[in-house]
């Protein structure tokens, strides 16, 4: 029985199939954990979603910013951006089922001893608080009128966390931390503009997992979202976004068989999809 973390697929279904063959994945005994951005920018988003749905409990997913963007477009609250490739889901005969499955996924979960998020964890949040806050957003997404939440989800404010936040301000920063964050100040202020490498952040900001004294510093964490940081493995934190949609590769990280251990084994499948077909 093996447990694997897998980074941002972004509609690259052929490469996902190649990676699953590489690790000899068996749905009857293995489990894969997908770290968000399952769809968009790649050519076969429908194929990715149908594949994951067909795997049942052997495939567990969290949501990323591209997944949330699709939900807003599907509800008519946002127009597609240049470079979006989500029309195949909008045109699919099973669009309703695909959308329902997607919005039913959480924004954080545990995989053995790893906390899984798409983008990051605020330095003021413990593991337990992160899971609790992610559930607040999950509950908003599974409400019958979840479009009310999506309509107010976007924006960069507030950019600092306080336990006293409530309503949409609270939900918005939870979403932004879990699905968009890269750089953070030691005081906990977020920067949403910088998308550079780990060493080229804005003045006064650090990669979120390098903030000294963050409450999850002793927690193993797996995340995606940051392709220029893909393959990073330090301070019990591992980044699985290795740039599949940009022509590099899709990675899986096999967790240790020992429940309490950090570390794992890397597998990377070179991208099969043609990068020229993707727009940044």
C-alpha atoms as a PDB file:
ATOM      1  CA  UNK A   1       0.000   0.000   0.000  1.00  0.00           C
ATOM      2  CA  UNK A   2       1.645   3.219  -1.203  1.00  0.00           C
ATOM      3  CA  UNK A   3       0.701   6.876  -0.691  1.00  0.00           C
ATOM      4  CA  UNK A   4       1.708   9.534  -3.239  1.00  0.00           C
ATOM      5  CA  UNK A   5       1.409  13.303  -3.382  1.00  0.00           C
ATOM      6  CA  UNK A   6       0.984  14.643  -6.932  1.00  0.00           C
ATOM      7  CA  UNK A   7       1.452  18.241  -8.027  1.00  0.00           C
ATOM      8  CA  UNK A   8      -0.483  20.552 -10.317  1.00  0.00           C
ATOM      9  CA  UNK A   9      -1.934  18.572 -13.247  1.00  0.00           C
ATOM     10  CA  UNK A  10      -3.683  21.527 -14.934  1.00  0.00           C
ATOM     11  CA  UNK A  11      -5.457  19.470 -17.554  1.00  0.00           C
ATOM     12  CA  UNK A  12      -2.438  17.373 -18.620  1.00  0.00           C
ATOM     13  CA  UNK A  13      -4.279  14.070 -18.602  1.00  0.00           C
ATOM     14  CA  UNK A  14      -1.830  12.161 -20.810  1.00  0.00           C
ATOM     15  CA  UNK A  15       1.076  13.045 -18.537  1.00  0.00           C
ATOM     16  CA  UNK A  16      -0.961  12.046 -15.497  1.00  0.00           C
ATOM     17  CA  UNK A  17      -1.560   8.657 -17.084  1.00  0.00           C
ATOM     18  CA  UNK A  18       2.150   8.312 -17.786  1.00  0.00           C
ATOM     19  CA  UNK A  19       3.009   9.165 -14.183  1.00  0.00           C
ATOM     20  CA  UNK A  20       0.501   6.659 -12.790  1.00  0.00           C
ATOM     21  CA  UNK A  21       2.041   3.983 -15.010  1.00  0.00           C
ATOM     22  CA  UNK A  22       5.520   5.011 -13.812  1.00  0.00           C
ATOM     23  CA  UNK A  23       4.608   4.474 -10.155  1.00  0.00           C
ATOM     24  CA  UNK A  24       2.631   1.321 -10.996  1.00  0.00           C
ATOM     25  CA  UNK A  25      -0.405   2.826  -9.322  1.00  0.00           C
ATOM     26  CA  UNK A  26      -3.039   0.324  -8.190  1.00  0.00           C
ATOM     27  CA  UNK A  27      -6.412   1.780  -7.147  1.00  0.00           C
ATOM     28  CA  UNK A  28      -7.125  -1.312  -5.082  1.00  0.00           C
ATOM     29  CA  UNK A  29      -4.195  -0.752  -2.726  1.00  0.00           C
ATOM     30  CA  UNK A  30      -2.589   2.691  -3.353  1.00  0.00           C
ATOM     31  CA  UNK A  31      -3.759   6.259  -2.741  1.00  0.00           C
ATOM     32  CA  UNK A  32      -2.872   9.435  -4.619  1.00  0.00           C
ATOM     33  CA  UNK A  33      -3.328  12.908  -3.147  1.00  0.00           C
ATOM     34  CA  UNK A  34      -3.722  15.715  -5.703  1.00  0.00           C
ATOM     35  CA  UNK A  35      -2.541  19.140  -4.544  1.00  0.00           C
ATOM     36  CA  UNK A  36      -4.953  21.363  -6.459  1.00  0.00           C
ATOM     37  CA  UNK A  37      -5.003  23.069  -9.867  1.00  0.00           C
ATOM     38  CA  UNK A  38      -6.378  19.891 -11.358  1.00  0.00           C
ATOM     39  CA  UNK A  39      -7.572  21.794 -14.416  1.00  0.00           C
ATOM     40  CA  UNK A  40      -6.926  24.742 -16.758  1.00  0.00           C
ATOM     41  CA  UNK A  41      -4.092  25.673 -19.123  1.00  0.00           C
ATOM     42  CA  UNK A  42      -3.721  22.082 -20.337  1.00  0.00           C
ATOM     43  CA  UNK A  43      -5.649  20.365 -23.151  1.00  0.00           C
ATOM     44  CA  UNK A  44      -7.756  17.673 -21.454  1.00  0.00           C
ATOM     45  CA  UNK A  45      -9.457  18.959 -18.332  1.00  0.00           C
ATOM     46  CA  UNK A  46     -12.483  16.708 -18.787  1.00  0.00           C
ATOM     47  CA  UNK A  47     -10.190  13.693 -19.021  1.00  0.00           C
ATOM     48  CA  UNK A  48      -8.450  14.601 -15.764  1.00  0.00           C
ATOM     49  CA  UNK A  49     -11.706  15.039 -13.850  1.00  0.00           C
ATOM     50  CA  UNK A  50     -13.303  11.875 -15.224  1.00  0.00           C
ATOM     51  CA  UNK A  51     -10.157   9.875 -14.440  1.00  0.00           C
ATOM     52  CA  UNK A  52     -10.016  11.113 -10.842  1.00  0.00           C
ATOM     53  CA  UNK A  53     -13.732  10.584 -10.305  1.00  0.00           C
ATOM     54  CA  UNK A  54     -13.435   7.027 -11.590  1.00  0.00           C
ATOM     55  CA  UNK A  55     -10.733   6.244  -9.019  1.00  0.00           C
ATOM     56  CA  UNK A  56     -13.075   6.835  -6.096  1.00  0.00           C
ATOM     57  CA  UNK A  57     -11.447   6.893  -2.669  1.00  0.00           C
ATOM     58  CA  UNK A  58      -8.040   5.988  -4.076  1.00  0.00           C
ATOM     59  CA  UNK A  59      -7.733   9.565  -5.429  1.00  0.00           C
ATOM     60  CA  UNK A  60      -8.144  12.408  -2.950  1.00  0.00           C
ATOM     61  CA  UNK A  61      -7.982  16.018  -4.140  1.00  0.00           C
ATOM     62  CA  UNK A  62      -7.848  19.529  -2.782  1.00  0.00           C
ATOM     63  CA  UNK A  63      -8.726  22.685  -4.699  1.00  0.00           C
ATOM     64  CA  UNK A  64      -6.388  25.292  -6.171  1.00  0.00           C
ATOM     65  CA  UNK A  65      -6.912  28.760  -7.588  1.00  0.00           C
ATOM     66  CA  UNK A  66      -7.522  27.477 -11.133  1.00  0.00           C
ATOM     67  CA  UNK A  67     -10.203  25.098  -9.877  1.00  0.00           C
ATOM     68  CA  UNK A  68     -11.985  27.920  -8.047  1.00  0.00           C
ATOM     69  CA  UNK A  69     -11.672  30.118 -11.137  1.00  0.00           C
ATOM     70  CA  UNK A  70     -13.476  27.483 -13.191  1.00  0.00           C
ATOM     71  CA  UNK A  71     -16.319  27.325 -10.658  1.00  0.00           C
ATOM     72  CA  UNK A  72     -16.786  31.084 -11.004  1.00  0.00           C
ATOM     73  CA  UNK A  73     -16.759  30.912 -14.807  1.00  0.00           C
ATOM     74  CA  UNK A  74     -19.172  27.978 -14.787  1.00  0.00           C
ATOM     75  CA  UNK A  75     -21.614  30.023 -12.730  1.00  0.00           C
ATOM     76  CA  UNK A  76     -21.295  32.997 -15.094  1.00  0.00           C
ATOM     77  CA  UNK A  77     -19.627  35.171 -12.463  1.00  0.00           C
ATOM     78  CA  UNK A  78     -16.327  35.494 -14.334  1.00  0.00           C
ATOM     79  CA  UNK A  79     -15.384  35.469 -17.998  1.00  0.00           C
ATOM     80  CA  UNK A  80     -12.614  33.150 -19.191  1.00  0.00           C
ATOM     81  CA  UNK A  81      -9.129  34.657 -19.148  1.00  0.00           C
ATOM     82  CA  UNK A  82      -6.667  34.623 -22.012  1.00  0.00           C
ATOM     83  CA  UNK A  83      -5.027  31.216 -21.833  1.00  0.00           C
ATOM     84  CA  UNK A  84      -7.906  29.428 -20.115  1.00  0.00           C
ATOM     85  CA  UNK A  85      -8.662  25.994 -21.571  1.00  0.00           C
ATOM     86  CA  UNK A  86     -11.777  25.113 -19.576  1.00  0.00           C
ATOM     87  CA  UNK A  87     -14.256  25.191 -22.453  1.00  0.00           C
ATOM     88  CA  UNK A  88     -14.122  21.400 -22.715  1.00  0.00           C
ATOM     89  CA  UNK A  89     -15.728  21.115 -19.269  1.00  0.00           C
ATOM     90  CA  UNK A  90     -18.330  23.768 -20.071  1.00  0.00           C
ATOM     91  CA  UNK A  91     -19.267  21.816 -23.205  1.00  0.00           C
ATOM     92  CA  UNK A  92     -19.188  18.369 -21.583  1.00  0.00           C
ATOM     93  CA  UNK A  93     -22.329  16.244 -21.475  1.00  0.00           C
ATOM     94  CA  UNK A  94     -21.583  15.579 -17.782  1.00  0.00           C
ATOM     95  CA  UNK A  95     -20.744  19.193 -16.946  1.00  0.00           C
ATOM     96  CA  UNK A  96     -23.064  19.216 -13.932  1.00  0.00           C
ATOM     97  CA  UNK A  97     -21.530  16.084 -12.413  1.00  0.00           C
ATOM     98  CA  UNK A  98     -17.973  17.300 -13.051  1.00  0.00           C
ATOM     99  CA  UNK A  99     -18.724  20.659 -11.449  1.00  0.00           C
ATOM    100  CA  UNK A 100     -20.416  19.081  -8.432  1.00  0.00           C
ATOM    101  CA  UNK A 101     -17.480  16.741  -7.856  1.00  0.00           C
ATOM    102  CA  UNK A 102     -14.994  19.600  -8.138  1.00  0.00           C
ATOM    103  CA  UNK A 103     -16.724  21.942  -5.700  1.00  0.00           C
ATOM    104  CA  UNK A 104     -17.146  19.074  -3.230  1.00  0.00           C
ATOM    105  CA  UNK A 105     -13.374  18.802  -2.711  1.00  0.00           C
ATOM    106  CA  UNK A 106     -11.734  20.417   0.360  1.00  0.00           C
ATOM    107  CA  UNK A 107      -9.035  23.111   0.456  1.00  0.00           C
ATOM    108  CA  UNK A 108      -6.794  21.216   2.895  1.00  0.00           C
ATOM    109  CA  UNK A 109      -6.423  17.684   4.213  1.00  0.00           C
ATOM    110  CA  UNK A 110      -4.046  15.346   5.995  1.00  0.00           C
ATOM    111  CA  UNK A 111      -2.226  12.528   4.202  1.00  0.00           C
ATOM    112  CA  UNK A 112      -0.618  10.326   6.795  1.00  0.00           C
ATOM    113  CA  UNK A 113       1.544  12.860   8.679  1.00  0.00           C
ATOM    114  CA  UNK A 114       1.508  15.538   5.933  1.00  0.00           C
ATOM    115  CA  UNK A 115      -0.694  18.632   5.893  1.00  0.00           C
ATOM    116  CA  UNK A 116      -1.711  19.247   2.266  1.00  0.00           C
ATOM    117  CA  UNK A 117      -2.575  22.652   0.839  1.00  0.00           C
ATOM    118  CA  UNK A 118      -2.398  24.097  -2.650  1.00  0.00           C
ATOM    119  CA  UNK A 119      -0.364  27.246  -1.972  1.00  0.00           C
ATOM    120  CA  UNK A 120       0.615  27.768   1.642  1.00  0.00           C
ATOM    121  CA  UNK A 121      -0.138  28.020   5.338  1.00  0.00           C
ATOM    122  CA  UNK A 122      -0.236  31.317   7.213  1.00  0.00           C
ATOM    123  CA  UNK A 123       2.564  31.546   9.818  1.00  0.00           C
ATOM    124  CA  UNK A 124       0.004  32.249  12.561  1.00  0.00           C
ATOM    125  CA  UNK A 125      -2.008  29.084  11.820  1.00  0.00           C
ATOM    126  CA  UNK A 126      -1.486  25.750  13.509  1.00  0.00           C
ATOM    127  CA  UNK A 127      -2.206  22.512  11.658  1.00  0.00           C
ATOM    128  CA  UNK A 128      -5.538  22.133  13.430  1.00  0.00           C
ATOM    129  CA  UNK A 129      -6.553  25.727  12.695  1.00  0.00           C
ATOM    130  CA  UNK A 130      -5.594  25.379   9.032  1.00  0.00           C
ATOM    131  CA  UNK A 131      -7.863  22.364   8.636  1.00  0.00           C
ATOM    132  CA  UNK A 132     -10.668  24.101  10.517  1.00  0.00           C
ATOM    133  CA  UNK A 133     -10.432  27.283   8.423  1.00  0.00           C
ATOM    134  CA  UNK A 134     -10.313  25.274   5.191  1.00  0.00           C
ATOM    135  CA  UNK A 135     -13.534  23.592   6.276  1.00  0.00           C
ATOM    136  CA  UNK A 136     -15.227  26.979   6.620  1.00  0.00           C
ATOM    137  CA  UNK A 137     -14.618  27.594   2.917  1.00  0.00           C
ATOM    138  CA  UNK A 138     -15.589  24.031   2.030  1.00  0.00           C
ATOM    139  CA  UNK A 139     -18.950  24.508   3.733  1.00  0.00           C
ATOM    140  CA  UNK A 140     -19.524  27.707   1.738  1.00  0.00           C
ATOM    141  CA  UNK A 141     -18.756  25.865  -1.513  1.00  0.00           C
ATOM    142  CA  UNK A 142     -21.173  23.007  -0.908  1.00  0.00           C
ATOM    143  CA  UNK A 143     -24.067  25.319  -0.047  1.00  0.00           C
ATOM    144  CA  UNK A 144     -26.891  25.237  -2.619  1.00  0.00           C
ATOM    145  CA  UNK A 145     -26.361  28.953  -3.338  1.00  0.00           C
ATOM    146  CA  UNK A 146     -22.564  28.797  -3.362  1.00  0.00           C
ATOM    147  CA  UNK A 147     -22.472  31.451  -6.089  1.00  0.00           C
ATOM    148  CA  UNK A 148     -23.033  34.037  -3.339  1.00  0.00           C
ATOM    149  CA  UNK A 149     -19.662  33.046  -1.890  1.00  0.00           C
ATOM    150  CA  UNK A 150     -17.914  32.937  -5.280  1.00  0.00           C
ATOM    151  CA  UNK A 151     -19.238  36.378  -6.186  1.00  0.00           C
ATOM    152  CA  UNK A 152     -17.427  37.934  -3.189  1.00  0.00           C
ATOM    153  CA  UNK A 153     -14.367  35.653  -3.112  1.00  0.00           C
ATOM    154  CA  UNK A 154     -12.007  37.780  -5.215  1.00  0.00           C
ATOM    155  CA  UNK A 155      -9.698  40.503  -3.936  1.00  0.00           C
ATOM    156  CA  UNK A 156      -6.400  41.049  -2.119  1.00  0.00           C
ATOM    157  CA  UNK A 157      -7.850  42.470   1.091  1.00  0.00           C
ATOM    158  CA  UNK A 158      -7.441  41.801   3.892  1.00  0.00           C
ATOM    159  CA  UNK A 159      -3.762  40.909   3.455  1.00  0.00           C
ATOM    160  CA  UNK A 160      -3.135  40.052   7.131  1.00  0.00           C
ATOM    161  CA  UNK A 161      -4.784  37.472   9.342  1.00  0.00           C
ATOM    162  CA  UNK A 162      -6.718  38.153  12.536  1.00  0.00           C
ATOM    163  CA  UNK A 163      -8.817  35.673  14.464  1.00  0.00           C
ATOM    164  CA  UNK A 164     -11.431  38.429  14.756  1.00  0.00           C
ATOM    165  CA  UNK A 165     -12.098  38.531  11.016  1.00  0.00           C
ATOM    166  CA  UNK A 166     -15.577  37.413  10.058  1.00  0.00           C
ATOM    167  CA  UNK A 167     -17.878  37.094   7.068  1.00  0.00           C
ATOM    168  CA  UNK A 168     -16.450  37.380   3.569  1.00  0.00           C
ATOM    169  CA  UNK A 169     -13.259  39.100   4.745  1.00  0.00           C
ATOM    170  CA  UNK A 170     -12.472  36.003   6.767  1.00  0.00           C
ATOM    171  CA  UNK A 171     -13.340  33.574   3.976  1.00  0.00           C
ATOM    172  CA  UNK A 172     -11.448  35.632   1.380  1.00  0.00           C
ATOM    173  CA  UNK A 173      -8.130  35.607   3.210  1.00  0.00           C
ATOM    174  CA  UNK A 174      -8.500  31.899   3.958  1.00  0.00           C
ATOM    175  CA  UNK A 175      -8.922  31.249   0.230  1.00  0.00           C
ATOM    176  CA  UNK A 176      -5.999  33.526  -0.642  1.00  0.00           C
ATOM    177  CA  UNK A 177      -3.640  31.886   1.841  1.00  0.00           C
ATOM    178  CA  UNK A 178      -4.542  28.347   0.851  1.00  0.00           C
ATOM    179  CA  UNK A 179      -4.682  28.845  -2.928  1.00  0.00           C
ATOM    180  CA  UNK A 180      -2.620  31.945  -3.843  1.00  0.00           C
ATOM    181  CA  UNK A 181       0.077  32.700  -1.261  1.00  0.00           C
ATOM    182  CA  UNK A 182       3.781  32.576  -2.064  1.00  0.00           C
ATOM    183  CA  UNK A 183       5.562  35.353  -0.175  1.00  0.00           C
ATOM    184  CA  UNK A 184       4.792  36.580   3.325  1.00  0.00           C
ATOM    185  CA  UNK A 185       6.372  39.104   5.701  1.00  0.00           C
ATOM    186  CA  UNK A 186       7.649  38.029   9.125  1.00  0.00           C
ATOM    187  CA  UNK A 187       4.684  39.926  10.587  1.00  0.00           C
ATOM    188  CA  UNK A 188       2.260  37.848   8.506  1.00  0.00           C
ATOM    189  CA  UNK A 189       1.382  40.257   5.686  1.00  0.00           C
ATOM    190  CA  UNK A 190       0.766  38.551   2.343  1.00  0.00           C
ATOM    191  CA  UNK A 191       2.096  39.604  -1.066  1.00  0.00           C
ATOM    192  CA  UNK A 192      -0.005  38.394  -3.998  1.00  0.00           C
ATOM    193  CA  UNK A 193       1.890  40.051  -6.846  1.00  0.00           C
ATOM    194  CA  UNK A 194       5.299  38.362  -6.758  1.00  0.00           C
ATOM    195  CA  UNK A 195       5.532  35.057  -8.655  1.00  0.00           C
ATOM    196  CA  UNK A 196       9.318  34.849  -8.861  1.00  0.00           C
ATOM    197  CA  UNK A 197      11.722  32.205  -7.642  1.00  0.00           C
ATOM    198  CA  UNK A 198      12.371  31.643  -3.949  1.00  0.00           C
ATOM    199  CA  UNK A 199      15.360  33.969  -3.878  1.00  0.00           C
ATOM    200  CA  UNK A 200      13.847  36.873  -5.820  1.00  0.00           C
ATOM    201  CA  UNK A 201      10.963  37.926  -3.615  1.00  0.00           C
ATOM    202  CA  UNK A 202       9.958  41.514  -2.854  1.00  0.00           C
ATOM    203  CA  UNK A 203      11.870  43.422  -0.195  1.00  0.00           C
ATOM    204  CA  UNK A 204      10.705  42.504   3.287  1.00  0.00           C
ATOM    205  CA  UNK A 205       9.003  39.286   2.205  1.00  0.00           C
ATOM    206  CA  UNK A 206      10.092  35.650   2.364  1.00  0.00           C
ATOM    207  CA  UNK A 207       8.699  32.378   1.025  1.00  0.00           C
ATOM    208  CA  UNK A 208       5.947  31.540   3.495  1.00  0.00           C
ATOM    209  CA  UNK A 209       7.671  28.368   4.708  1.00  0.00           C
ATOM    210  CA  UNK A 210      10.858  30.270   5.588  1.00  0.00           C
ATOM    211  CA  UNK A 211       9.134  32.529   8.124  1.00  0.00           C
ATOM    212  CA  UNK A 212      10.878  31.956  11.441  1.00  0.00           C
ATOM    213  CA  UNK A 213       8.613  30.765  14.231  1.00  0.00           C
ATOM    214  CA  UNK A 214       5.613  29.839  12.061  1.00  0.00           C
ATOM    215  CA  UNK A 215       3.258  27.592  13.990  1.00  0.00           C
ATOM    216  CA  UNK A 216       3.562  24.702  11.527  1.00  0.00           C
ATOM    217  CA  UNK A 217       7.369  24.620  11.515  1.00  0.00           C
ATOM    218  CA  UNK A 218       7.331  21.095  12.987  1.00  0.00           C
ATOM    219  CA  UNK A 219       4.581  19.869  10.648  1.00  0.00           C
ATOM    220  CA  UNK A 220       5.328  18.074   7.378  1.00  0.00           C
ATOM    221  CA  UNK A 221       3.577  19.988   4.582  1.00  0.00           C
ATOM    222  CA  UNK A 222       3.006  19.236   0.898  1.00  0.00           C
ATOM    223  CA  UNK A 223       1.956  21.993  -1.503  1.00  0.00           C
ATOM    224  CA  UNK A 224       1.928  22.950  -5.200  1.00  0.00           C
ATOM    225  CA  UNK A 225       1.125  26.262  -6.960  1.00  0.00           C
ATOM    226  CA  UNK A 226       4.707  27.573  -7.250  1.00  0.00           C
ATOM    227  CA  UNK A 227       6.291  26.082 -10.358  1.00  0.00           C
ATOM    228  CA  UNK A 228       9.580  27.988  -9.970  1.00  0.00           C
ATOM    229  CA  UNK A 229       9.900  26.409  -6.516  1.00  0.00           C
ATOM    230  CA  UNK A 230       8.954  22.938  -7.737  1.00  0.00           C
ATOM    231  CA  UNK A 231      11.105  20.167  -6.309  1.00  0.00           C
ATOM    232  CA  UNK A 232      11.952  22.190  -3.207  1.00  0.00           C
ATOM    233  CA  UNK A 233      12.224  19.974  -0.149  1.00  0.00           C
ATOM    234  CA  UNK A 234      13.334  21.719   3.050  1.00  0.00           C
ATOM    235  CA  UNK A 235      12.176  22.374   6.601  1.00  0.00           C
ATOM    236  CA  UNK A 236       9.733  19.430   6.370  1.00  0.00           C
ATOM    237  CA  UNK A 237       8.043  21.166   3.405  1.00  0.00           C
ATOM    238  CA  UNK A 238       7.895  19.807  -0.151  1.00  0.00           C
ATOM    239  CA  UNK A 239       6.664  21.606  -3.301  1.00  0.00           C
ATOM    240  CA  UNK A 240       5.175  19.296  -5.925  1.00  0.00           C
ATOM    241  CA  UNK A 241       4.470  21.788  -8.739  1.00  0.00           C
ATOM    242  CA  UNK A 242       7.258  20.915 -11.170  1.00  0.00           C
ATOM    243  CA  UNK A 243       5.838  22.811 -14.129  1.00  0.00           C
ATOM    244  CA  UNK A 244       3.977  20.124 -16.045  1.00  0.00           C
ATOM    245  CA  UNK A 245       1.867  22.621 -17.965  1.00  0.00           C
ATOM    246  CA  UNK A 246       4.983  24.609 -18.893  1.00  0.00           C
ATOM    247  CA  UNK A 247       6.612  21.641 -20.602  1.00  0.00           C
ATOM    248  CA  UNK A 248       8.680  20.273 -17.728  1.00  0.00           C
ATOM    249  CA  UNK A 249       7.145  17.421 -15.780  1.00  0.00           C
ATOM    250  CA  UNK A 250       4.486  16.106 -13.422  1.00  0.00           C
ATOM    251  CA  UNK A 251       5.792  14.803 -10.119  1.00  0.00           C
ATOM    252  CA  UNK A 252       4.690  12.286  -7.524  1.00  0.00           C
ATOM    253  CA  UNK A 253       6.205  12.030  -4.066  1.00  0.00           C
ATOM    254  CA  UNK A 254       5.865   8.676  -2.364  1.00  0.00           C
ATOM    255  CA  UNK A 255       5.464   9.152   1.364  1.00  0.00           C
ATOM    256  CA  UNK A 256       7.474   7.112   3.811  1.00  0.00           C
ATOM    257  CA  UNK A 257       5.921   3.857   4.975  1.00  0.00           C
ATOM    258  CA  UNK A 258       6.550   5.034   8.523  1.00  0.00           C
ATOM    259  CA  UNK A 259       3.610   7.174   9.606  1.00  0.00           C
ATOM    260  CA  UNK A 260       5.684   9.583  11.701  1.00  0.00           C
ATOM    261  CA  UNK A 261       8.528  10.062   9.217  1.00  0.00           C
ATOM    262  CA  UNK A 262       9.231  13.023   6.963  1.00  0.00           C
ATOM    263  CA  UNK A 263      10.693  12.608   3.504  1.00  0.00           C
ATOM    264  CA  UNK A 264       9.817  10.495   0.520  1.00  0.00           C
ATOM    265  CA  UNK A 265      10.791   9.323  -2.962  1.00  0.00           C
ATOM    266  CA  UNK A 266      10.396  11.432  -6.107  1.00  0.00           C
ATOM    267  CA  UNK A 267       9.002  10.304  -9.466  1.00  0.00           C
ATOM    268  CA  UNK A 268       8.692  12.723 -12.388  1.00  0.00           C
ATOM    269  CA  UNK A 269       7.080  12.067 -15.771  1.00  0.00           C
ATOM    270  CA  UNK A 270       8.209  14.350 -18.575  1.00  0.00           C
ATOM    271  CA  UNK A 271       5.305  16.313 -20.021  1.00  0.00           C
ATOM    272  CA  UNK A 272       3.636  14.610 -22.983  1.00  0.00           C
ATOM    273  CA  UNK A 273       1.403  17.524 -23.943  1.00  0.00           C
ATOM    274  CA  UNK A 274       2.834  20.119 -26.324  1.00  0.00           C
ATOM    275  CA  UNK A 275       3.801  23.234 -24.341  1.00  0.00           C
ATOM    276  CA  UNK A 276       3.265  25.442 -27.408  1.00  0.00           C
ATOM    277  CA  UNK A 277      -0.450  24.762 -27.052  1.00  0.00           C
ATOM    278  CA  UNK A 278      -0.540  26.515 -23.706  1.00  0.00           C
ATOM    279  CA  UNK A 279      -0.777  30.233 -23.134  1.00  0.00           C
ATOM    280  CA  UNK A 280       0.773  31.779 -20.057  1.00  0.00           C
END
